[in-house]
Protein backbone atom coordinates (compact mmCIF):
# COMPACT_ATOMS: atom_id res chain seq x y z
CA MET A 1 -0.15 -33.20 9.18
CA ARG A 2 -0.26 -33.52 5.30
CA VAL A 3 -1.42 -30.95 2.55
CA ALA A 4 -2.14 -32.49 -0.65
CA VAL A 5 -2.94 -30.14 -3.73
CA VAL A 6 -4.43 -31.04 -7.18
CA ASP A 7 -3.95 -28.65 -9.97
CA ARG A 8 -7.15 -29.06 -11.85
CA GLU A 9 -6.41 -27.22 -14.86
CA ARG A 10 -3.21 -29.40 -15.38
CA CYS A 11 -4.80 -32.88 -14.37
CA ARG A 12 -5.80 -34.40 -17.61
CA PRO A 13 -7.05 -37.91 -17.06
CA ASP A 14 -7.93 -38.21 -20.74
CA LYS A 15 -4.44 -37.80 -21.94
CA CYS A 16 -2.67 -40.34 -19.31
CA ASP A 17 -3.39 -43.75 -17.94
CA GLN A 18 -3.59 -42.56 -14.26
CA PRO A 19 -0.11 -43.65 -13.14
CA CYS A 20 -0.96 -41.65 -10.04
CA ILE A 21 -3.35 -44.38 -9.17
CA ARG A 22 -1.77 -47.23 -10.58
CA PHE A 23 1.68 -46.67 -8.71
CA CYS A 24 0.36 -45.51 -5.34
CA PRO A 25 1.35 -48.29 -2.79
CA MET A 26 -1.77 -47.35 -0.61
CA VAL A 27 -3.85 -48.17 -3.63
CA ARG A 28 -2.33 -51.52 -4.09
CA THR A 29 -3.20 -52.40 -0.52
CA ARG A 30 -6.83 -51.81 -1.37
CA ARG A 31 -6.71 -48.46 0.44
CA GLU A 32 -8.17 -45.59 -1.69
CA ALA A 33 -5.46 -42.88 -1.13
CA ILE A 34 -6.00 -41.47 -4.43
CA ARG A 35 -8.97 -41.88 -6.93
CA GLN A 36 -10.76 -40.11 -9.76
CA ASP A 37 -13.55 -37.83 -8.38
CA ASP A 38 -16.94 -37.20 -10.38
CA GLU A 39 -15.03 -35.17 -13.20
CA GLY A 40 -12.34 -37.86 -13.56
CA LYS A 41 -9.68 -35.58 -11.90
CA ALA A 42 -7.53 -36.78 -9.36
CA TYR A 43 -8.48 -36.82 -5.39
CA ILE A 44 -5.96 -37.30 -2.81
CA SER A 45 -7.05 -38.31 0.70
CA GLU A 46 -4.74 -36.85 3.07
CA PHE A 47 -6.03 -39.12 6.01
CA ILE A 48 -5.05 -42.23 4.03
CA CYS A 49 -2.03 -41.02 1.96
CA SER A 50 1.40 -42.09 3.32
CA GLY A 51 3.31 -39.03 1.81
CA CYS A 52 5.62 -41.07 -0.37
CA GLY A 53 5.26 -38.83 -3.16
CA ILE A 54 5.22 -41.36 -5.87
CA CYS A 55 2.21 -39.88 -7.33
CA VAL A 56 3.92 -36.62 -7.75
CA LYS A 57 6.90 -37.86 -9.44
CA LYS A 58 4.75 -40.16 -11.71
CA CYS A 59 2.06 -37.53 -12.86
CA PRO A 60 3.11 -36.32 -16.64
CA PHE A 61 1.57 -33.06 -16.07
CA ASP A 62 3.16 -31.95 -12.77
CA ALA A 63 -0.32 -31.57 -11.31
CA LEU A 64 0.19 -33.15 -7.86
CA ARG A 65 1.91 -31.62 -4.86
CA ILE A 66 2.05 -33.38 -1.32
CA VAL A 67 3.69 -31.56 1.53
CA ASN A 68 4.20 -32.75 5.05
CA LEU A 69 3.94 -30.09 8.01
CA PRO A 70 4.35 -29.95 11.53
CA ASP A 71 1.18 -31.39 13.39
CA GLU A 72 1.34 -28.39 15.44
CA LEU A 73 0.00 -26.22 12.64
CA LYS A 74 -3.57 -27.83 12.77
CA SER A 75 -4.55 -25.51 15.63
CA ASP A 76 -3.37 -22.64 13.46
CA HIS A 77 -5.37 -23.52 10.46
CA LEU A 78 -7.18 -20.39 9.13
CA HIS A 79 -8.61 -21.29 5.79
CA ARG A 80 -8.84 -23.82 2.93
CA PHE A 81 -10.42 -23.25 -0.29
CA GLY A 82 -11.63 -26.95 -0.84
CA PRO A 83 -10.53 -30.42 -1.12
CA ASN A 84 -7.02 -30.74 -2.37
CA SER A 85 -6.62 -26.81 -2.77
CA PHE A 86 -4.43 -24.23 -1.20
CA THR A 87 -4.50 -23.74 2.71
CA LEU A 88 -3.40 -21.08 4.81
CA PHE A 89 -2.10 -21.23 8.26
CA ARG A 90 -1.92 -18.34 11.07
CA ILE A 91 -3.27 -14.94 10.98
CA PRO A 92 -1.40 -11.53 11.65
CA LYS A 93 -2.60 -9.31 14.15
CA PRO A 94 -3.03 -5.60 13.18
CA ARG A 95 -1.38 -3.41 15.67
CA LYS A 96 -2.55 0.08 16.81
CA GLY A 97 -0.37 2.73 15.69
CA ASN A 98 1.64 0.83 13.33
CA VAL A 99 1.85 -0.08 9.72
CA VAL A 100 2.40 -3.80 9.53
CA GLY A 101 3.83 -5.14 6.35
CA LEU A 102 3.12 -8.45 4.58
CA LEU A 103 6.04 -9.92 2.69
CA GLY A 104 5.80 -13.12 0.49
CA ARG A 105 5.49 -14.58 -2.92
CA ASN A 106 2.75 -14.49 -5.07
CA GLY A 107 0.11 -17.20 -4.47
CA ILE A 108 1.18 -17.61 -0.92
CA GLY A 109 -2.02 -15.92 0.71
CA LYS A 110 -1.33 -12.24 1.21
CA SER A 111 -4.60 -11.37 -0.50
CA THR A 112 -6.56 -13.88 1.27
CA LEU A 113 -5.40 -12.55 4.54
CA LEU A 114 -6.63 -8.98 3.76
CA ARG A 115 -9.82 -10.19 2.61
CA VAL A 116 -10.21 -12.27 6.02
CA LEU A 117 -9.03 -9.21 7.94
CA ALA A 118 -11.50 -6.84 6.02
CA GLY A 119 -14.38 -9.19 6.80
CA GLU A 120 -15.00 -9.91 3.23
CA LEU A 121 -14.00 -13.74 3.54
CA VAL A 122 -14.98 -15.74 6.60
CA PRO A 123 -12.10 -18.02 7.56
CA ASN A 124 -13.27 -21.73 7.54
CA LEU A 125 -10.54 -22.85 9.94
CA GLY A 126 -9.70 -25.61 7.64
CA ASN A 127 -13.26 -27.05 7.66
CA PHE A 128 -14.30 -26.31 4.07
CA GLU A 129 -17.11 -28.97 4.17
CA ASN A 130 -18.97 -27.55 7.09
CA PRO A 131 -17.47 -23.76 7.72
CA PRO A 132 -18.05 -22.09 10.86
CA THR A 133 -20.11 -19.10 11.00
CA LYS A 134 -18.97 -15.63 12.22
CA GLU A 135 -19.91 -16.32 15.64
CA GLU A 136 -18.23 -19.75 15.58
CA VAL A 137 -15.07 -17.96 14.33
CA THR A 138 -14.89 -15.47 16.99
CA GLU A 139 -15.54 -18.16 19.64
CA HIS A 140 -12.59 -20.05 18.29
CA TYR A 141 -10.27 -17.04 18.84
CA VAL A 142 -11.49 -16.47 22.75
CA GLY A 143 -8.53 -16.17 24.80
CA LYS A 144 -6.35 -15.15 21.64
CA PRO A 145 -5.22 -11.88 20.29
CA MET A 146 -7.55 -11.73 17.39
CA HIS A 147 -10.65 -12.51 19.50
CA GLU A 148 -11.09 -8.57 20.04
CA TYR A 149 -10.54 -8.04 16.37
CA PHE A 150 -12.99 -10.51 14.86
CA SER A 151 -15.52 -9.39 17.50
CA GLY A 152 -15.36 -5.84 16.28
CA VAL A 153 -15.52 -6.68 12.58
CA TYR A 154 -18.42 -9.30 12.71
CA GLY A 155 -20.20 -7.54 15.54
CA GLY A 156 -20.20 -4.19 13.83
CA GLY A 157 -18.04 -2.46 16.37
CA PHE A 158 -15.80 -1.28 13.69
CA LYS A 159 -15.22 -1.28 10.13
CA ALA A 160 -11.95 -2.16 8.06
CA VAL A 161 -11.32 -0.26 4.88
CA HIS A 162 -9.74 -2.68 2.06
CA LYS A 163 -7.84 -1.14 -1.07
CA PRO A 164 -7.81 -4.24 -3.31
CA GLN A 165 -5.10 -5.54 -5.59
CA TYR A 166 -6.91 -5.45 -8.79
CA VAL A 167 -7.55 -1.62 -9.23
CA ASP A 168 -8.12 -2.30 -13.18
CA LYS A 169 -11.52 -3.79 -12.06
CA ILE A 170 -12.82 -0.77 -10.33
CA PRO A 171 -14.40 0.77 -13.40
CA LYS A 172 -16.43 -2.42 -13.52
CA VAL A 173 -18.14 -2.10 -10.54
CA VAL A 174 -18.24 1.56 -9.81
CA LYS A 175 -19.58 4.12 -12.38
CA GLY A 176 -19.19 7.74 -12.80
CA LYS A 177 -16.99 10.63 -12.47
CA THR A 178 -13.75 10.42 -10.20
CA GLY A 179 -14.56 13.65 -8.14
CA ALA A 180 -18.16 12.68 -7.53
CA LEU A 181 -16.94 9.35 -6.08
CA LEU A 182 -14.24 10.85 -3.85
CA LYS A 183 -16.54 13.56 -2.64
CA LYS A 184 -19.37 10.79 -1.66
CA LEU A 185 -16.68 8.66 0.36
CA ASP A 186 -15.10 11.64 2.29
CA GLU A 187 -15.82 10.80 5.71
CA ARG A 188 -12.62 12.18 7.40
CA GLY A 189 -12.86 15.76 5.71
CA VAL A 190 -9.59 15.29 4.31
CA LEU A 191 -10.32 15.22 0.58
CA ASP A 192 -8.58 18.46 -0.64
CA GLU A 193 -5.59 17.38 1.36
CA ILE A 194 -5.53 13.78 -0.18
CA ILE A 195 -6.15 15.38 -3.81
CA ASP A 196 -2.98 17.61 -3.39
CA ASP A 197 -0.86 14.68 -1.89
CA LEU A 198 -1.77 12.19 -4.82
CA GLU A 199 -2.06 14.86 -7.44
CA LEU A 200 -5.54 13.95 -8.52
CA GLY A 201 -6.85 17.43 -9.31
CA HIS A 202 -6.84 16.83 -13.15
CA LEU A 203 -8.84 13.68 -12.99
CA LEU A 204 -11.78 14.82 -10.92
CA ASP A 205 -13.85 15.44 -13.95
CA ARG A 206 -12.80 12.46 -15.62
CA ASP A 207 -14.87 9.25 -15.83
CA LEU A 208 -13.36 6.21 -14.04
CA LYS A 209 -13.39 4.15 -17.00
CA VAL A 210 -10.92 6.11 -19.02
CA LEU A 211 -8.21 6.24 -16.21
CA SER A 212 -4.90 4.64 -16.67
CA GLY A 213 -3.67 1.77 -14.31
CA GLY A 214 -1.63 4.44 -12.22
CA GLU A 215 -4.41 6.72 -12.29
CA LEU A 216 -6.85 4.07 -10.79
CA GLN A 217 -4.15 3.01 -8.36
CA ARG A 218 -3.96 6.59 -6.88
CA VAL A 219 -7.87 6.98 -7.02
CA ALA A 220 -8.13 3.60 -5.03
CA ILE A 221 -5.64 4.59 -2.41
CA ALA A 222 -7.52 7.94 -1.89
CA THR A 223 -10.92 6.43 -1.57
CA ALA A 224 -9.30 4.25 1.16
CA ILE A 225 -7.60 6.88 3.00
CA ILE A 226 -10.54 9.41 3.03
CA ARG A 227 -12.67 7.01 4.85
CA ASP A 228 -13.11 6.85 8.53
CA ALA A 229 -12.07 3.62 10.18
CA PRO A 230 -9.78 2.09 12.64
CA VAL A 231 -8.49 -0.57 10.13
CA TYR A 232 -6.98 -0.02 6.71
CA LEU A 233 -5.69 -2.60 4.52
CA PHE A 234 -3.73 -2.19 1.26
CA ASP A 235 -2.95 -4.79 -1.41
CA GLU A 236 -0.03 -3.72 -3.37
CA PRO A 237 -0.41 -0.05 -3.41
CA SER A 238 2.77 0.80 -5.39
CA SER A 239 1.40 -1.29 -8.55
CA PHE A 240 1.32 1.07 -11.79
CA LEU A 241 3.04 3.72 -9.81
CA ASP A 242 6.35 5.57 -10.54
CA VAL A 243 9.04 6.16 -7.87
CA TYR A 244 7.80 9.64 -6.95
CA GLN A 245 4.18 8.41 -6.56
CA ARG A 246 5.36 5.30 -4.64
CA THR A 247 7.30 7.39 -2.14
CA ARG A 248 4.19 9.82 -1.80
CA ALA A 249 1.73 7.02 -1.35
CA ALA A 250 3.84 5.42 1.16
CA ARG A 251 4.25 8.53 3.15
CA ILE A 252 0.39 9.00 3.32
CA ILE A 253 -0.22 5.39 4.23
CA ARG A 254 2.38 5.48 7.01
CA ASN A 255 0.90 8.84 8.33
CA LEU A 256 -2.70 6.99 8.74
CA ALA A 257 -1.24 4.82 11.60
CA GLN A 258 -1.31 7.93 13.93
CA ASP A 259 -4.29 8.25 16.40
CA ASP A 260 -3.76 4.40 17.06
CA ARG A 261 -5.30 3.41 13.57
CA MET A 262 -4.26 0.11 12.46
CA VAL A 263 -2.52 -0.42 8.95
CA ILE A 264 -1.65 -3.55 7.09
CA ALA A 265 -0.13 -3.50 3.61
CA ALA A 266 1.13 -6.34 1.29
CA GLU A 267 3.73 -4.98 -0.90
CA HIS A 268 6.41 -6.32 -3.25
CA ASP A 269 8.66 -3.16 -3.76
CA LEU A 270 11.06 -3.83 -0.82
CA ALA A 271 12.13 -0.16 -0.68
CA VAL A 272 8.66 0.96 -0.46
CA LEU A 273 7.51 -1.73 2.22
CA ASP A 274 10.65 -0.79 4.22
CA TYR A 275 9.82 2.95 4.09
CA MET A 276 6.27 2.70 5.10
CA SER A 277 6.28 -0.24 7.55
CA ASP A 278 7.10 -0.58 11.23
CA GLU A 279 7.04 -4.34 11.41
CA ILE A 280 6.78 -7.12 9.11
CA PHE A 281 5.20 -10.53 8.91
CA ILE A 282 6.65 -12.99 6.28
CA LEU A 283 4.35 -15.45 4.43
CA TYR A 284 6.33 -18.67 3.53
CA GLY A 285 5.38 -22.14 2.21
CA GLU A 286 4.87 -23.16 -1.35
CA PRO A 287 2.73 -20.90 -3.62
CA ASP A 288 -0.67 -22.22 -4.59
CA VAL A 289 0.02 -25.25 -2.16
CA TYR A 290 0.29 -23.76 1.34
CA GLY A 291 1.04 -20.62 3.34
CA ILE A 292 2.47 -20.00 6.75
CA VAL A 293 2.35 -16.37 8.54
CA SER A 294 5.73 -16.11 10.54
CA ASN A 295 6.07 -14.34 13.80
CA ILE A 296 6.39 -10.47 13.75
CA HIS A 297 9.66 -8.80 13.29
CA SER A 298 10.99 -5.22 13.17
CA VAL A 299 10.88 -4.01 9.41
CA ARG A 300 14.63 -4.15 8.76
CA GLU A 301 15.28 -7.52 10.46
CA GLY A 302 11.88 -9.08 8.75
CA ILE A 303 13.19 -7.86 5.19
CA ASN A 304 16.65 -9.01 5.81
CA ILE A 305 15.13 -12.47 6.93
CA TYR A 306 13.15 -12.80 3.89
CA ILE A 307 16.22 -11.83 1.59
CA ASN A 308 18.44 -14.59 3.48
CA GLY A 309 15.50 -17.22 3.33
CA TYR A 310 16.00 -18.30 7.02
CA ILE A 311 13.80 -17.64 10.01
CA PRO A 312 15.94 -18.27 13.08
CA ASP A 313 13.44 -17.85 15.71
CA GLU A 314 11.35 -20.49 14.13
CA ASN A 315 14.38 -22.49 12.51
CA VAL A 316 12.56 -22.72 9.23
CA ARG A 317 14.53 -22.29 5.90
CA PHE A 318 11.96 -21.42 2.91
CA ARG A 319 14.58 -20.70 0.40
CA GLN A 320 17.48 -22.77 -0.76
CA SER A 321 19.88 -19.69 -0.90
CA PRO A 322 19.63 -16.18 -0.11
CA ILE A 323 18.94 -13.45 -2.45
CA VAL A 324 22.40 -11.63 -3.02
CA PHE A 325 22.66 -7.99 -3.85
CA HIS A 326 25.85 -7.23 -5.66
CA ASP A 327 27.68 -4.50 -3.76
CA LYS A 328 28.68 -2.64 -6.87
CA PRO A 329 31.19 0.43 -6.62
CA PRO A 330 30.19 3.55 -8.11
CA GLN A 331 31.02 3.37 -11.89
CA ASP A 332 33.37 5.94 -13.26
CA LYS A 333 32.28 8.15 -16.07
CA GLN A 334 33.07 6.20 -19.38
CA ALA A 335 34.09 7.77 -22.47
CA LYS A 336 31.84 7.92 -25.42
CA SER A 337 31.85 4.78 -27.41
CA TYR A 338 28.60 4.44 -29.35
CA ASN A 339 29.50 1.62 -31.39
CA LEU A 340 26.30 -0.20 -31.18
CA LEU A 341 23.29 2.46 -31.11
CA GLU A 342 23.34 6.04 -31.51
CA TRP A 343 20.38 8.82 -31.67
CA SER A 344 20.42 12.36 -32.52
CA ASP A 345 18.53 15.06 -30.90
CA MET A 346 14.86 13.63 -31.05
CA VAL A 347 11.58 15.38 -30.67
CA MET A 348 8.15 13.98 -30.43
CA GLN A 349 5.29 16.32 -30.83
CA TYR A 350 1.84 15.16 -30.05
CA ASP A 351 -1.32 17.42 -29.11
CA GLY A 352 -0.57 18.95 -25.92
CA PHE A 353 2.60 16.91 -25.11
CA ARG A 354 6.27 17.57 -26.19
CA LEU A 355 9.13 15.21 -25.66
CA GLU A 356 12.77 16.17 -26.15
CA ILE A 357 15.53 13.51 -26.07
CA ASP A 358 19.38 14.93 -26.17
CA ALA A 359 21.77 13.21 -28.67
CA GLY A 360 23.31 10.09 -27.16
CA GLY A 361 24.20 6.39 -27.53
CA ILE A 362 25.14 3.26 -25.97
CA GLY A 363 27.84 0.63 -26.19
CA MET A 364 27.84 -3.20 -26.39
CA GLY A 365 27.08 -5.26 -23.14
CA GLU A 366 25.33 -2.37 -21.14
CA VAL A 367 22.01 -2.38 -19.27
CA VAL A 368 20.52 1.16 -19.37
CA GLY A 369 17.82 1.87 -16.70
CA ILE A 370 15.35 4.51 -17.64
CA LEU A 371 13.89 6.40 -14.65
CA GLY A 372 11.40 9.31 -14.48
CA MET A 373 7.72 10.16 -13.42
CA ASN A 374 4.76 8.78 -15.30
CA GLY A 375 3.56 10.72 -18.32
CA ILE A 376 6.82 12.27 -19.26
CA GLY A 377 8.02 9.95 -22.37
CA LYS A 378 9.79 7.05 -21.05
CA THR A 379 7.57 4.56 -22.97
CA THR A 380 7.46 6.82 -26.03
CA PHE A 381 11.46 7.06 -25.99
CA VAL A 382 11.47 3.17 -26.14
CA LYS A 383 8.89 3.09 -28.71
CA MET A 384 11.09 5.35 -30.78
CA LEU A 385 13.89 3.09 -30.48
CA ALA A 386 11.69 0.17 -31.30
CA GLY A 387 10.59 1.59 -34.45
CA VAL A 388 6.93 1.69 -33.18
CA GLU A 389 6.85 5.49 -33.17
CA THR A 390 8.58 7.89 -35.70
CA PRO A 391 9.85 11.12 -34.07
CA THR A 392 8.78 14.36 -35.11
CA GLU A 393 12.52 15.45 -35.47
CA GLY A 394 15.54 13.47 -35.44
CA GLY A 395 15.79 9.72 -35.23
CA VAL A 396 17.90 6.58 -34.55
CA ASN A 397 21.15 6.73 -36.68
CA ASN A 398 21.75 3.04 -37.17
CA PRO A 399 18.07 1.59 -37.47
CA ALA A 400 19.18 -1.62 -39.06
CA ILE A 401 19.95 -3.21 -35.97
CA ASN A 402 17.54 -5.96 -34.69
CA ILE A 403 15.43 -4.86 -31.71
CA SER A 404 13.39 -7.07 -29.35
CA TYR A 405 10.51 -5.07 -27.70
CA LYS A 406 8.48 -5.83 -24.59
CA PRO A 407 5.77 -3.44 -24.31
CA GLN A 408 4.45 -1.85 -21.08
CA TYR A 409 1.03 -3.19 -21.29
CA ILE A 410 0.88 -6.86 -21.98
CA SER A 411 -1.90 -8.96 -23.69
CA SER A 412 -2.69 -12.16 -24.92
CA ALA A 413 -5.02 -10.91 -27.38
CA GLY A 414 -4.05 -11.95 -30.83
CA THR A 415 -1.55 -14.53 -29.55
CA THR A 416 -2.51 -18.22 -30.31
CA GLY A 417 -1.10 -21.53 -28.88
CA THR A 418 0.63 -22.57 -25.68
CA ALA A 419 3.43 -20.67 -23.99
CA GLU A 420 5.77 -23.41 -25.44
CA GLU A 421 4.75 -22.34 -28.69
CA VAL A 422 5.13 -18.74 -28.36
CA LEU A 423 8.89 -19.14 -26.87
CA ARG A 424 9.60 -21.71 -29.74
CA ARG A 425 8.77 -19.08 -32.41
CA ALA A 426 10.67 -16.61 -30.66
CA ALA A 427 13.89 -18.56 -29.84
CA GLY A 428 14.08 -20.72 -33.00
CA THR A 429 16.59 -23.59 -32.82
CA ASP A 430 17.80 -22.06 -29.43
CA TYR A 431 14.92 -23.59 -27.85
CA VAL A 432 16.37 -27.12 -27.65
CA GLU A 433 19.87 -25.91 -26.64
CA ALA A 434 20.76 -26.63 -23.08
CA TRP A 435 21.87 -22.97 -22.16
CA TYR A 436 18.28 -21.92 -23.11
CA ARG A 437 17.00 -23.86 -20.45
CA THR A 438 19.61 -22.75 -18.10
CA GLU A 439 19.38 -19.08 -18.86
CA ILE A 440 15.84 -18.42 -19.65
CA ILE A 441 13.38 -21.35 -18.91
CA GLU A 442 14.76 -22.07 -15.40
CA PRO A 443 15.60 -18.52 -14.15
CA LEU A 444 12.28 -17.02 -15.11
CA HIS A 445 10.28 -19.96 -13.55
CA VAL A 446 8.27 -20.50 -16.86
CA LYS A 447 8.65 -24.46 -16.94
CA ARG A 448 5.09 -25.10 -15.25
CA MET A 449 3.19 -22.96 -17.77
CA LEU A 450 4.76 -24.18 -20.96
CA ASP A 451 1.80 -26.33 -21.78
CA LYS A 452 -0.72 -23.80 -20.80
CA GLU A 453 -2.60 -21.76 -23.49
CA VAL A 454 -1.37 -18.13 -23.57
CA ASP A 455 -4.94 -16.82 -23.12
CA ILE A 456 -5.47 -18.28 -19.78
CA LEU A 457 -2.35 -17.08 -18.08
CA SER A 458 -2.47 -14.75 -15.24
CA GLY A 459 -0.77 -11.40 -15.12
CA GLY A 460 2.23 -12.55 -13.66
CA GLU A 461 2.49 -15.62 -15.70
CA LEU A 462 1.97 -13.58 -18.96
CA GLN A 463 4.51 -11.13 -17.94
CA ARG A 464 7.18 -13.62 -17.28
CA ILE A 465 6.29 -15.36 -20.69
CA ALA A 466 6.48 -11.84 -22.58
CA ILE A 467 9.99 -11.28 -21.02
CA ALA A 468 11.24 -14.66 -22.14
CA GLU A 469 9.89 -14.22 -25.30
CA CYS A 470 11.73 -10.76 -25.66
CA LEU A 471 15.09 -12.32 -24.39
CA SER A 472 14.47 -15.23 -26.70
CA ARG A 473 14.89 -13.22 -29.91
CA LYS A 474 18.33 -12.92 -31.57
CA ALA A 475 18.38 -9.16 -31.10
CA ASP A 476 21.23 -6.45 -30.63
CA ILE A 477 18.98 -4.46 -28.14
CA PHE A 478 16.43 -5.59 -25.79
CA LEU A 479 13.85 -3.02 -24.78
CA LEU A 480 11.76 -3.95 -21.90
CA ASP A 481 9.10 -1.66 -20.47
CA GLU A 482 8.14 -2.07 -16.71
CA PRO A 483 9.15 -5.95 -16.49
CA SER A 484 8.67 -6.13 -12.72
CA ALA A 485 4.80 -5.42 -12.94
CA TYR A 486 2.64 -8.20 -11.48
CA LEU A 487 5.89 -9.83 -10.16
CA ASP A 488 6.67 -10.75 -6.48
CA VAL A 489 10.24 -9.84 -5.08
CA GLU A 490 11.96 -12.91 -5.93
CA GLU A 491 10.44 -13.09 -9.61
CA ARG A 492 11.65 -9.56 -10.06
CA LEU A 493 15.22 -10.08 -9.07
CA ALA A 494 15.44 -13.32 -11.07
CA VAL A 495 14.07 -11.30 -14.16
CA ALA A 496 16.84 -8.60 -13.42
CA LYS A 497 19.36 -11.26 -13.31
CA ALA A 498 18.41 -13.02 -16.41
CA ILE A 499 18.27 -9.82 -18.38
CA ARG A 500 21.79 -8.74 -17.04
CA ARG A 501 23.30 -12.12 -17.62
CA ILE A 502 22.00 -12.60 -21.26
CA THR A 503 23.03 -8.86 -22.20
CA LYS A 504 26.42 -9.66 -20.87
CA MET A 505 26.73 -13.15 -22.34
CA ARG A 506 25.58 -11.92 -25.98
CA GLY A 507 27.49 -8.81 -25.87
CA VAL A 508 24.06 -6.77 -26.68
CA THR A 509 22.40 -3.76 -25.00
CA ALA A 510 19.28 -3.65 -23.05
CA PHE A 511 17.12 -0.61 -21.86
CA VAL A 512 14.91 -1.17 -19.11
CA VAL A 513 11.86 1.27 -17.82
CA GLU A 514 11.75 0.38 -14.27
CA HIS A 515 9.96 2.07 -11.13
CA ASP A 516 11.17 -0.32 -8.71
CA ILE A 517 14.43 1.23 -7.32
CA VAL A 518 15.83 -1.97 -5.79
CA THR A 519 15.34 -3.88 -9.28
CA GLN A 520 16.80 -0.93 -11.03
CA ASP A 521 19.88 -0.82 -8.86
CA PHE A 522 20.39 -4.61 -9.26
CA ILE A 523 20.20 -4.56 -12.96
CA ALA A 524 21.67 -1.32 -14.34
CA ASP A 525 25.04 -0.12 -15.65
CA LYS A 526 23.83 3.28 -16.45
CA ILE A 527 20.70 5.43 -15.96
CA MET A 528 18.86 7.57 -18.18
CA VAL A 529 17.00 10.14 -16.24
CA PHE A 530 13.65 11.71 -17.55
CA ASP A 531 12.33 14.86 -16.12
CA GLY A 532 9.44 17.40 -17.06
CA GLU A 533 5.69 17.98 -16.32
CA SER A 534 3.61 14.85 -16.52
CA GLY A 535 1.23 14.92 -19.41
CA SER A 536 2.87 18.10 -21.07
CA TYR A 537 6.49 17.78 -21.37
CA GLY A 538 9.44 15.50 -21.11
CA HIS A 539 13.13 15.62 -21.47
CA ALA A 540 16.10 13.17 -21.19
CA GLY A 541 19.64 13.58 -21.36
CA ASN A 542 22.57 11.15 -22.07
CA PRO A 543 22.81 7.89 -20.12
CA LEU A 544 24.90 8.56 -16.97
CA SER A 545 26.90 6.35 -14.84
CA LEU A 546 24.73 4.39 -12.15
CA GLN A 547 26.01 6.54 -9.52
CA ASP A 548 25.35 9.92 -11.11
CA GLY A 549 22.07 8.91 -12.76
CA MET A 550 20.63 7.44 -9.68
CA ASN A 551 21.77 10.69 -7.74
CA GLU A 552 20.35 13.13 -10.20
CA PHE A 553 16.91 11.21 -10.22
CA LEU A 554 16.68 10.75 -6.35
CA ARG A 555 17.63 14.59 -6.05
CA GLN A 556 14.67 15.27 -8.26
CA MET A 557 12.59 13.04 -6.01
CA ASN A 558 14.11 14.74 -2.93
CA VAL A 559 14.68 11.22 -1.63
CA THR A 560 17.84 9.58 -0.20
CA PHE A 561 18.92 6.04 -0.25
CA ARG A 562 21.66 4.05 1.83
CA ARG A 563 22.61 0.80 1.66
CA ASP A 564 21.87 -1.96 4.29
CA GLY A 565 24.86 -3.21 6.25
CA ASP A 566 24.21 -6.69 6.05
CA THR A 567 22.18 -7.50 2.95
CA LYS A 568 23.40 -4.50 0.61
CA ARG A 569 20.02 -3.86 -0.40
CA PRO A 570 19.06 -0.18 -1.07
CA ARG A 571 16.90 1.48 1.81
CA ILE A 572 14.98 4.77 1.59
CA ASN A 573 15.93 7.16 4.50
CA LYS A 574 13.15 8.44 6.59
CA PRO A 575 12.33 12.01 5.74
CA ASP A 576 14.41 14.41 7.92
CA SER A 577 16.34 11.70 9.76
CA ARG A 578 19.89 12.32 10.64
CA LEU A 579 21.00 10.28 7.62
CA ASP A 580 18.50 11.99 5.10
CA LYS A 581 19.45 15.50 6.37
CA ASP A 582 23.43 14.59 6.23
CA GLN A 583 23.16 13.03 2.60
CA LYS A 584 21.05 15.90 1.15
CA LYS A 585 23.62 18.31 2.56
CA ARG A 586 26.40 16.40 0.84
CA GLY A 587 24.45 16.10 -2.29
CA ALA A 588 24.52 12.25 -1.85
CA TYR A 589 21.08 11.23 -2.59
CA TYR A 590 22.26 7.87 -3.55
CA TYR A 591 24.44 5.69 -1.37
CA ARG A 592 28.07 5.79 -1.80
CA ASN A 593 30.29 2.59 -1.14
């Protein structure tokens, strides 16, 4: 079985002499394995194509992909978006009383699966030219586990509630006050409880269009949970949320599975996915080309399989090497040596909000992770270091140092040119150096988007370019605000590696605001903990050692972590479990080696 994909954005027949057609062996034998379609773009016949891959190598714009797959997958074909487009194989079955997690890269089919399970997208079973009806799809699954499910969804036997991925689009389709929306949708009579659990009380009188990303995410989760259905589907529920909000949301989603409800959640935060899931389906393949749903695994086994990149029961290796978590020993408290950046006691006073920062500083070659709830001044502190905000009292003692800043909310507005032009402007002469390719272009996976205009990049692509731009500048301090947003697991850890490696290599310092504990554990030497009351008051002390900082923050969150015995990844202990009680008793909220 052969899958051929043409990236129509990258295919530029007006700027090449069609080497894909000229060098195709099948074309030379007068068999039209590849030709130009009505728009002049390349079209590959998967039935005629021999799979030699010559066209892939000859394409100057890297627009073609050809993959040979086992013929057995034909019977598992779920959906294809069109000729030479992404295709998806197999479907995960929801399980009563369980939370089933979906784990995989961006562009591998997770959101597509949730849309199919929600009944929003009728799968064409690979036949995009003559797609089957709902009845034909149901008949296709007769005698298979999904027959009963599709019979219920398409026949009106039950409904599936779907929390979509892009919550920022909600105000475009739903108008009005938050409270009115929630009251209208409360089918289970649990609205008051959910408002308290997700801390939505202060948002009830506010219009949806003025809510932040994190506020919209919590409202979206609430609107799903308060509805009455046997099936609940959540697409990246942790996006825009801080650690505290993530654990609360995960706990609420987990509780939904009671009373034999079926819950499926796609999530990139490994700690959150581990915490709320009972079982895992892994999606593997090649992003934007094809995706395959694995067999089901226990949550620990599934996540560890994903980290290792090898599925034993299917004998499939989908990544060349495993993701390695460094088993770092707890760091001893270091003597103060603020030879790079120091700041005095600082105060930032706004109308209704006050931020207090204790005097402190940081030395060369260190990565400082910043942790705390949303709305207590983390971004404000970073902006003060960057010179974007001027403190009401105090300030940075050596402001003459060079700073490179990646803001929390990234946008292409005001940026012109291609991604390559953006990076060339930031890197200068370094752009042509071999180390730049090795340390920035390749690890951040930005090569395929270099010739794209910045204003057409997706959220994840724009994020990676923004991070690459930040790290490209000649700076003494890197300031990165939520670099993991829009990124999948592999991209998050690749970014963490790049930040840490460049910081050490150049002997500079990085401050990283990050809510993903796994990523923060991976990247940070020290931790700066923020506490306070969201929207009213914030406070931060000196940067602490990784051990002490993580322990203090998790104590505030009332959450304990342990280290996985095999992969060394951080794992959240289930509330009131033996380990949870033991670590809290000892005051060891963060694992000790």
